[in-house]
Amino acid sequence: MSRFARVMLCVAALTLCMAGMAFGQIATTDSHGRPITVTTPKSSTPRVIRGSGIEPETITIYNNVGSGYNGSSGFTESGIDSSVGAWYAQVMAFTPTKTHYLAEVEVAMGYVNGTEGFALHVETDKSGLPSNKSLYSCKITSMYGFGSSSTDLDTCKVPKAKKIALKAKTQYWVVVLVNSDEWAAWNFNATGATGPVAISEDDGKTWTSEGTGSNGAFIILGK
């Protein structure tokens, strides 16, 4: 199915059980046809404590999380065998104002169902799109439940001995790729931050620009 066909309001409404708590999850599309996941969590939903105490020795290169992200809505990230079917990977760009070494990447990716975890990459830019050349990559295997928090972040720390330079006024991409049977969601930021967005319908092999749009919540720290 093409991404234009997905703009049609064919909504997959599912009732799921995550971490022992019941959530009403809906996969749908926003006004631009981008797939989103929304939920109304129960007030008693337990929080998973992880991420983001920003360490004093680090430098903030990019931060659209602020005091908290949108805990109940996010861009759908799902694989071809997931319970909502294959949507597509959506990735966000950032541009450092000064040159720093990469220290840490934090993203607000919430788990819904399927095989938990995702691959995270920081990639260079090629003609306004991810280059598929990773400067840094890691694997997240334990995620917070989508809808359970507006502050917890999935975090990858770069080893101190590893020197990955992010150059000033150069665009880079944060890429997240979920498992083939997984439904997850990249929470919306709550600061109004926008930037370049790209999508992939083939698990990150090729990318298409979506222009400038709202960004998922993430933090880039330097040293």
C-alpha atoms as a PDB file:
ATOM      1  CA  MET A   1       0.000   0.000   0.000  1.00  0.00           C
ATOM      2  CA  SER A   2       1.402   3.432  -0.935  1.00  0.00           C
ATOM      3  CA  ARG A   3       1.824   6.106   1.686  1.00  0.00           C
ATOM      4  CA  PHE A   4      -0.736   8.230  -0.168  1.00  0.00           C
ATOM      5  CA  ALA A   5      -3.354   5.508   0.201  1.00  0.00           C
ATOM      6  CA  ARG A   6      -2.671   5.471   3.912  1.00  0.00           C
ATOM      7  CA  VAL A   7      -3.942   9.030   4.157  1.00  0.00           C
ATOM      8  CA  MET A   8      -7.388   7.491   3.843  1.00  0.00           C
ATOM      9  CA  LEU A   9      -8.958   7.119   7.237  1.00  0.00           C
ATOM     10  CA  CYS A  10      -8.541   3.374   7.505  1.00  0.00           C
ATOM     11  CA  VAL A  11      -7.990   3.153  11.236  1.00  0.00           C
ATOM     12  CA  ALA A  12      -6.797   0.064  13.049  1.00  0.00           C
ATOM     13  CA  ALA A  13      -8.320   0.220  16.539  1.00  0.00           C
ATOM     14  CA  LEU A  14      -6.906  -2.339  18.943  1.00  0.00           C
ATOM     15  CA  THR A  15      -7.149  -3.009  22.644  1.00  0.00           C
ATOM     16  CA  LEU A  16      -3.810  -4.195  23.939  1.00  0.00           C
ATOM     17  CA  CYS A  17      -2.315  -5.257  27.238  1.00  0.00           C
ATOM     18  CA  MET A  18       1.124  -3.868  28.045  1.00  0.00           C
ATOM     19  CA  ALA A  19       3.092  -4.394  31.239  1.00  0.00           C
ATOM     20  CA  GLY A  20      -0.021  -5.779  32.907  1.00  0.00           C
ATOM     21  CA  MET A  21      -2.064  -2.621  32.242  1.00  0.00           C
ATOM     22  CA  ALA A  22      -4.810  -2.138  29.652  1.00  0.00           C
ATOM     23  CA  PHE A  23      -4.421   0.600  27.045  1.00  0.00           C
ATOM     24  CA  GLY A  24      -6.686   1.637  24.196  1.00  0.00           C
ATOM     25  CA  GLN A  25      -4.221   2.099  21.332  1.00  0.00           C
ATOM     26  CA  ILE A  26      -5.144   3.525  17.943  1.00  0.00           C
ATOM     27  CA  ALA A  27      -2.987   3.728  14.838  1.00  0.00           C
ATOM     28  CA  THR A  28      -4.171   6.443  12.441  1.00  0.00           C
ATOM     29  CA  THR A  29      -2.774   9.328  10.363  1.00  0.00           C
ATOM     30  CA  ASP A  30      -2.303  13.037  10.931  1.00  0.00           C
ATOM     31  CA  SER A  31      -3.324  15.845   8.542  1.00  0.00           C
ATOM     32  CA  HIS A  32      -0.205  15.191   6.422  1.00  0.00           C
ATOM     33  CA  GLY A  33      -0.797  11.452   6.167  1.00  0.00           C
ATOM     34  CA  ARG A  34       1.953  10.571   8.638  1.00  0.00           C
ATOM     35  CA  PRO A  35       1.025   7.539  10.789  1.00  0.00           C
ATOM     36  CA  ILE A  36       0.541   8.270  14.471  1.00  0.00           C
ATOM     37  CA  THR A  37      -0.243   6.265  17.597  1.00  0.00           C
ATOM     38  CA  VAL A  38      -2.416   7.701  20.357  1.00  0.00           C
ATOM     39  CA  THR A  39      -3.424   6.334  23.722  1.00  0.00           C
ATOM     40  CA  THR A  40      -5.334   7.210  26.872  1.00  0.00           C
ATOM     41  CA  PRO A  41      -3.355   5.599  29.694  1.00  0.00           C
ATOM     42  CA  LYS A  42      -4.908   4.735  33.037  1.00  0.00           C
ATOM     43  CA  SER A  43      -3.921   7.043  35.865  1.00  0.00           C
ATOM     44  CA  SER A  44      -2.442   4.096  37.762  1.00  0.00           C
ATOM     45  CA  THR A  45      -0.014   3.194  34.970  1.00  0.00           C
ATOM     46  CA  PRO A  46       3.405   2.556  36.530  1.00  0.00           C
ATOM     47  CA  ARG A  47       6.346   4.596  35.250  1.00  0.00           C
ATOM     48  CA  VAL A  48       9.575   3.030  34.130  1.00  0.00           C
ATOM     49  CA  ILE A  49      12.448   5.059  35.511  1.00  0.00           C
ATOM     50  CA  ARG A  50      15.332   5.499  33.070  1.00  0.00           C
ATOM     51  CA  GLY A  51      17.157   8.199  31.066  1.00  0.00           C
ATOM     52  CA  SER A  52      17.605  11.407  31.123  1.00  0.00           C
ATOM     53  CA  GLY A  53      19.575  12.958  33.892  1.00  0.00           C
ATOM     54  CA  ILE A  54      21.640  15.266  31.724  1.00  0.00           C
ATOM     55  CA  GLU A  55      25.143  14.908  33.124  1.00  0.00           C
ATOM     56  CA  PRO A  56      26.879  18.184  34.059  1.00  0.00           C
ATOM     57  CA  GLU A  57      29.999  17.392  32.023  1.00  0.00           C
ATOM     58  CA  THR A  58      28.002  17.065  28.802  1.00  0.00           C
ATOM     59  CA  ILE A  59      27.014  19.810  26.370  1.00  0.00           C
ATOM     60  CA  THR A  60      23.502  20.040  24.942  1.00  0.00           C
ATOM     61  CA  ILE A  61      23.737  19.941  21.159  1.00  0.00           C
ATOM     62  CA  TYR A  62      19.981  19.531  20.584  1.00  0.00           C
ATOM     63  CA  ASN A  63      17.038  19.166  22.966  1.00  0.00           C
ATOM     64  CA  ASN A  64      13.347  19.379  22.047  1.00  0.00           C
ATOM     65  CA  VAL A  65      12.184  17.480  25.149  1.00  0.00           C
ATOM     66  CA  GLY A  66      12.323  20.398  27.559  1.00  0.00           C
ATOM     67  CA  SER A  67      10.367  19.628  30.733  1.00  0.00           C
ATOM     68  CA  GLY A  68       8.596  16.684  29.076  1.00  0.00           C
ATOM     69  CA  TYR A  69       7.285  15.341  25.780  1.00  0.00           C
ATOM     70  CA  ASN A  70       3.752  14.450  24.674  1.00  0.00           C
ATOM     71  CA  GLY A  71       3.194  11.182  26.550  1.00  0.00           C
ATOM     72  CA  SER A  72       0.002  10.120  24.767  1.00  0.00           C
ATOM     73  CA  SER A  73       0.760  10.696  21.061  1.00  0.00           C
ATOM     74  CA  GLY A  74       3.621   9.795  18.767  1.00  0.00           C
ATOM     75  CA  PHE A  75       4.659   8.827  15.271  1.00  0.00           C
ATOM     76  CA  THR A  76       3.956   5.151  14.569  1.00  0.00           C
ATOM     77  CA  GLU A  77       7.078   3.071  13.994  1.00  0.00           C
ATOM     78  CA  SER A  78       6.094  -0.473  13.031  1.00  0.00           C
ATOM     79  CA  GLY A  79       7.457  -3.438  11.125  1.00  0.00           C
ATOM     80  CA  ILE A  80       5.974  -5.415   8.270  1.00  0.00           C
ATOM     81  CA  ASP A  81       4.779  -8.218  10.563  1.00  0.00           C
ATOM     82  CA  SER A  82       3.424  -5.970  13.331  1.00  0.00           C
ATOM     83  CA  SER A  83      -0.181  -6.009  14.558  1.00  0.00           C
ATOM     84  CA  VAL A  84      -0.890  -2.738  12.725  1.00  0.00           C
ATOM     85  CA  GLY A  85       0.946  -3.766   9.574  1.00  0.00           C
ATOM     86  CA  ALA A  86       3.911  -1.969   8.078  1.00  0.00           C
ATOM     87  CA  TRP A  87       3.751   1.777   8.264  1.00  0.00           C
ATOM     88  CA  TYR A  88       7.114   3.342   7.662  1.00  0.00           C
ATOM     89  CA  ALA A  89      10.192   4.549   9.506  1.00  0.00           C
ATOM     90  CA  GLN A  90      10.170   8.287  10.238  1.00  0.00           C
ATOM     91  CA  VAL A  91      13.452  10.011  11.037  1.00  0.00           C
ATOM     92  CA  MET A  92      14.399  13.462  12.304  1.00  0.00           C
ATOM     93  CA  ALA A  93      17.301  15.800  11.529  1.00  0.00           C
ATOM     94  CA  PHE A  94      19.325  18.167  13.696  1.00  0.00           C
ATOM     95  CA  THR A  95      22.094  20.680  13.005  1.00  0.00           C
ATOM     96  CA  PRO A  96      24.720  21.552  15.662  1.00  0.00           C
ATOM     97  CA  THR A  97      25.578  25.224  16.037  1.00  0.00           C
ATOM     98  CA  LYS A  98      29.103  24.360  17.238  1.00  0.00           C
ATOM     99  CA  THR A  99      31.416  21.378  16.681  1.00  0.00           C
ATOM    100  CA  HIS A 100      31.420  18.809  19.497  1.00  0.00           C
ATOM    101  CA  TYR A 101      32.073  15.123  19.993  1.00  0.00           C
ATOM    102  CA  LEU A 102      28.933  13.010  20.352  1.00  0.00           C
ATOM    103  CA  ALA A 103      28.407  11.804  23.937  1.00  0.00           C
ATOM    104  CA  GLU A 104      24.824  10.567  24.202  1.00  0.00           C
ATOM    105  CA  VAL A 105      21.595  10.094  22.235  1.00  0.00           C
ATOM    106  CA  GLU A 106      18.205   9.989  23.990  1.00  0.00           C
ATOM    107  CA  VAL A 107      14.906   9.314  22.215  1.00  0.00           C
ATOM    108  CA  ALA A 108      11.315   9.061  23.413  1.00  0.00           C
ATOM    109  CA  MET A 109      10.393   5.720  21.837  1.00  0.00           C
ATOM    110  CA  GLY A 110       7.522   3.882  23.557  1.00  0.00           C
ATOM    111  CA  TYR A 111       6.827   0.157  23.219  1.00  0.00           C
ATOM    112  CA  VAL A 112       3.334  -1.088  22.295  1.00  0.00           C
ATOM    113  CA  ASN A 113       3.672  -4.774  21.338  1.00  0.00           C
ATOM    114  CA  GLY A 114       5.729  -7.338  19.418  1.00  0.00           C
ATOM    115  CA  THR A 115       9.441  -7.935  19.936  1.00  0.00           C
ATOM    116  CA  GLU A 116      10.674  -5.135  22.173  1.00  0.00           C
ATOM    117  CA  GLY A 117      13.634  -3.024  21.102  1.00  0.00           C
ATOM    118  CA  PHE A 118      15.013  -0.985  18.232  1.00  0.00           C
ATOM    119  CA  ALA A 119      18.218   0.008  16.486  1.00  0.00           C
ATOM    120  CA  LEU A 120      19.294   3.627  16.834  1.00  0.00           C
ATOM    121  CA  HIS A 121      21.662   5.332  14.412  1.00  0.00           C
ATOM    122  CA  VAL A 122      23.146   8.793  14.011  1.00  0.00           C
ATOM    123  CA  GLU A 123      23.745   9.202  10.291  1.00  0.00           C
ATOM    124  CA  THR A 124      25.331  11.772   8.039  1.00  0.00           C
ATOM    125  CA  ASP A 125      23.280  13.669   5.476  1.00  0.00           C
ATOM    126  CA  LYS A 126      23.308  13.183   1.731  1.00  0.00           C
ATOM    127  CA  SER A 127      21.359  15.711  -0.351  1.00  0.00           C
ATOM    128  CA  GLY A 128      18.900  16.393   2.463  1.00  0.00           C
ATOM    129  CA  LEU A 129      18.279  12.739   3.382  1.00  0.00           C
ATOM    130  CA  PRO A 130      19.896  10.133   5.635  1.00  0.00           C
ATOM    131  CA  SER A 131      23.014   8.774   3.922  1.00  0.00           C
ATOM    132  CA  ASN A 132      22.729   5.235   5.410  1.00  0.00           C
ATOM    133  CA  LYS A 133      26.246   5.794   6.740  1.00  0.00           C
ATOM    134  CA  SER A 134      26.173   5.572  10.525  1.00  0.00           C
ATOM    135  CA  LEU A 135      28.536   7.651  12.603  1.00  0.00           C
ATOM    136  CA  TYR A 136      27.193   5.855  15.668  1.00  0.00           C
ATOM    137  CA  SER A 137      24.743   3.012  16.288  1.00  0.00           C
ATOM    138  CA  CYS A 138      23.432   1.079  19.257  1.00  0.00           C
ATOM    139  CA  LYS A 139      20.678  -1.382  20.142  1.00  0.00           C
ATOM    140  CA  ILE A 140      17.946  -0.659  22.685  1.00  0.00           C
ATOM    141  CA  THR A 141      16.355  -3.826  24.124  1.00  0.00           C
ATOM    142  CA  SER A 142      14.336  -2.432  27.057  1.00  0.00           C
ATOM    143  CA  MET A 143      11.812   0.347  26.407  1.00  0.00           C
ATOM    144  CA  TYR A 144       9.257   2.210  28.482  1.00  0.00           C
ATOM    145  CA  GLY A 145       5.628   1.389  27.704  1.00  0.00           C
ATOM    146  CA  PHE A 146       4.025   3.883  25.346  1.00  0.00           C
ATOM    147  CA  GLY A 147       1.705   6.138  27.343  1.00  0.00           C
ATOM    148  CA  SER A 148       3.415   5.422  30.659  1.00  0.00           C
ATOM    149  CA  SER A 149       5.591   8.547  30.824  1.00  0.00           C
ATOM    150  CA  SER A 150       6.249  12.032  29.473  1.00  0.00           C
ATOM    151  CA  THR A 151       9.856  12.248  30.683  1.00  0.00           C
ATOM    152  CA  ASP A 152      11.578   8.836  30.411  1.00  0.00           C
ATOM    153  CA  LEU A 153      13.946   8.405  27.479  1.00  0.00           C
ATOM    154  CA  ASP A 154      15.699   5.460  25.844  1.00  0.00           C
ATOM    155  CA  THR A 155      19.396   6.239  26.044  1.00  0.00           C
ATOM    156  CA  CYS A 156      22.612   5.257  24.290  1.00  0.00           C
ATOM    157  CA  LYS A 157      25.928   6.527  25.648  1.00  0.00           C
ATOM    158  CA  VAL A 158      28.992   6.738  23.434  1.00  0.00           C
ATOM    159  CA  PRO A 159      32.091   5.157  25.037  1.00  0.00           C
ATOM    160  CA  LYS A 160      34.373   7.891  26.356  1.00  0.00           C
ATOM    161  CA  ALA A 161      37.284   6.645  24.273  1.00  0.00           C
ATOM    162  CA  LYS A 162      35.274   6.927  21.040  1.00  0.00           C
ATOM    163  CA  LYS A 163      35.597  10.268  19.232  1.00  0.00           C
ATOM    164  CA  ILE A 164      32.676  11.036  16.892  1.00  0.00           C
ATOM    165  CA  ALA A 165      32.785  14.655  15.725  1.00  0.00           C
ATOM    166  CA  LEU A 166      29.513  16.435  14.934  1.00  0.00           C
ATOM    167  CA  LYS A 167      30.469  19.466  12.888  1.00  0.00           C
ATOM    168  CA  ALA A 168      28.918  22.902  13.252  1.00  0.00           C
ATOM    169  CA  LYS A 169      26.224  23.890  10.720  1.00  0.00           C
ATOM    170  CA  THR A 170      26.129  20.333   9.349  1.00  0.00           C
ATOM    171  CA  GLN A 171      22.902  18.349   9.225  1.00  0.00           C
ATOM    172  CA  TYR A 172      22.691  14.878  10.809  1.00  0.00           C
ATOM    173  CA  TRP A 173      19.857  12.376  11.208  1.00  0.00           C
ATOM    174  CA  VAL A 174      18.520  10.366  14.132  1.00  0.00           C
ATOM    175  CA  VAL A 175      17.301   7.047  12.720  1.00  0.00           C
ATOM    176  CA  VAL A 176      15.257   4.455  14.647  1.00  0.00           C
ATOM    177  CA  LEU A 177      14.422   1.066  13.133  1.00  0.00           C
ATOM    178  CA  VAL A 178      12.100  -1.287  15.026  1.00  0.00           C
ATOM    179  CA  ASN A 179      11.824  -5.082  14.818  1.00  0.00           C
ATOM    180  CA  SER A 180       9.765  -6.631  12.021  1.00  0.00           C
ATOM    181  CA  ASP A 181       6.875  -7.662  14.319  1.00  0.00           C
ATOM    182  CA  GLU A 182       6.983  -4.605  16.572  1.00  0.00           C
ATOM    183  CA  TRP A 183       4.586  -1.710  17.067  1.00  0.00           C
ATOM    184  CA  ALA A 184       6.218   1.273  18.774  1.00  0.00           C
ATOM    185  CA  ALA A 185       5.746   5.038  18.739  1.00  0.00           C
ATOM    186  CA  TRP A 186       8.125   7.992  18.756  1.00  0.00           C
ATOM    187  CA  ASN A 187       6.468  10.479  21.112  1.00  0.00           C
ATOM    188  CA  PHE A 188       5.760  13.998  19.853  1.00  0.00           C
ATOM    189  CA  ASN A 189       7.832  16.768  21.372  1.00  0.00           C
ATOM    190  CA  ALA A 190       5.919  19.297  23.480  1.00  0.00           C
ATOM    191  CA  THR A 191       8.086  22.322  22.699  1.00  0.00           C
ATOM    192  CA  GLY A 192       6.745  22.963  19.187  1.00  0.00           C
ATOM    193  CA  ALA A 193      10.068  21.997  17.602  1.00  0.00           C
ATOM    194  CA  THR A 194      10.047  21.340  13.873  1.00  0.00           C
ATOM    195  CA  GLY A 195      12.708  20.300  11.401  1.00  0.00           C
ATOM    196  CA  PRO A 196      13.505  18.147   8.382  1.00  0.00           C
ATOM    197  CA  VAL A 197      11.684  14.801   8.373  1.00  0.00           C
ATOM    198  CA  ALA A 198      12.202  11.795   6.099  1.00  0.00           C
ATOM    199  CA  ILE A 199      10.399   8.466   5.752  1.00  0.00           C
ATOM    200  CA  SER A 200      11.304   4.992   4.535  1.00  0.00           C
ATOM    201  CA  GLU A 201       8.937   2.263   3.371  1.00  0.00           C
ATOM    202  CA  ASP A 202      11.682  -0.376   3.066  1.00  0.00           C
ATOM    203  CA  ASP A 203      13.203  -0.480   6.557  1.00  0.00           C
ATOM    204  CA  GLY A 204      15.675   2.334   5.986  1.00  0.00           C
ATOM    205  CA  LYS A 205      17.125   1.251   2.653  1.00  0.00           C
ATOM    206  CA  THR A 206      15.788   4.296   0.785  1.00  0.00           C
ATOM    207  CA  TRP A 207      14.421   7.594   2.104  1.00  0.00           C
ATOM    208  CA  THR A 208      11.900  10.187   0.940  1.00  0.00           C
ATOM    209  CA  SER A 209      11.812  13.759   2.215  1.00  0.00           C
ATOM    210  CA  GLU A 210       8.654  14.899   4.005  1.00  0.00           C
ATOM    211  CA  GLY A 211       9.921  18.486   4.130  1.00  0.00           C
ATOM    212  CA  THR A 212       9.738  20.323   7.438  1.00  0.00           C
ATOM    213  CA  GLY A 213       7.420  18.946  10.092  1.00  0.00           C
ATOM    214  CA  SER A 214       6.923  18.331  13.785  1.00  0.00           C
ATOM    215  CA  ASN A 215       9.750  16.320  15.341  1.00  0.00           C
ATOM    216  CA  GLY A 216       9.685  13.318  17.607  1.00  0.00           C
ATOM    217  CA  ALA A 217      11.206  14.000  21.019  1.00  0.00           C
ATOM    218  CA  PHE A 218      14.976  13.518  21.329  1.00  0.00           C
ATOM    219  CA  ILE A 219      18.124  14.891  22.902  1.00  0.00           C
ATOM    220  CA  ILE A 220      21.678  14.976  21.531  1.00  0.00           C
ATOM    221  CA  LEU A 221      24.486  15.537  24.042  1.00  0.00           C
ATOM    222  CA  GLY A 222      28.122  16.305  23.305  1.00  0.00           C
ATOM    223  CA  LYS A 223      31.468  16.435  25.068  1.00  0.00           C
END
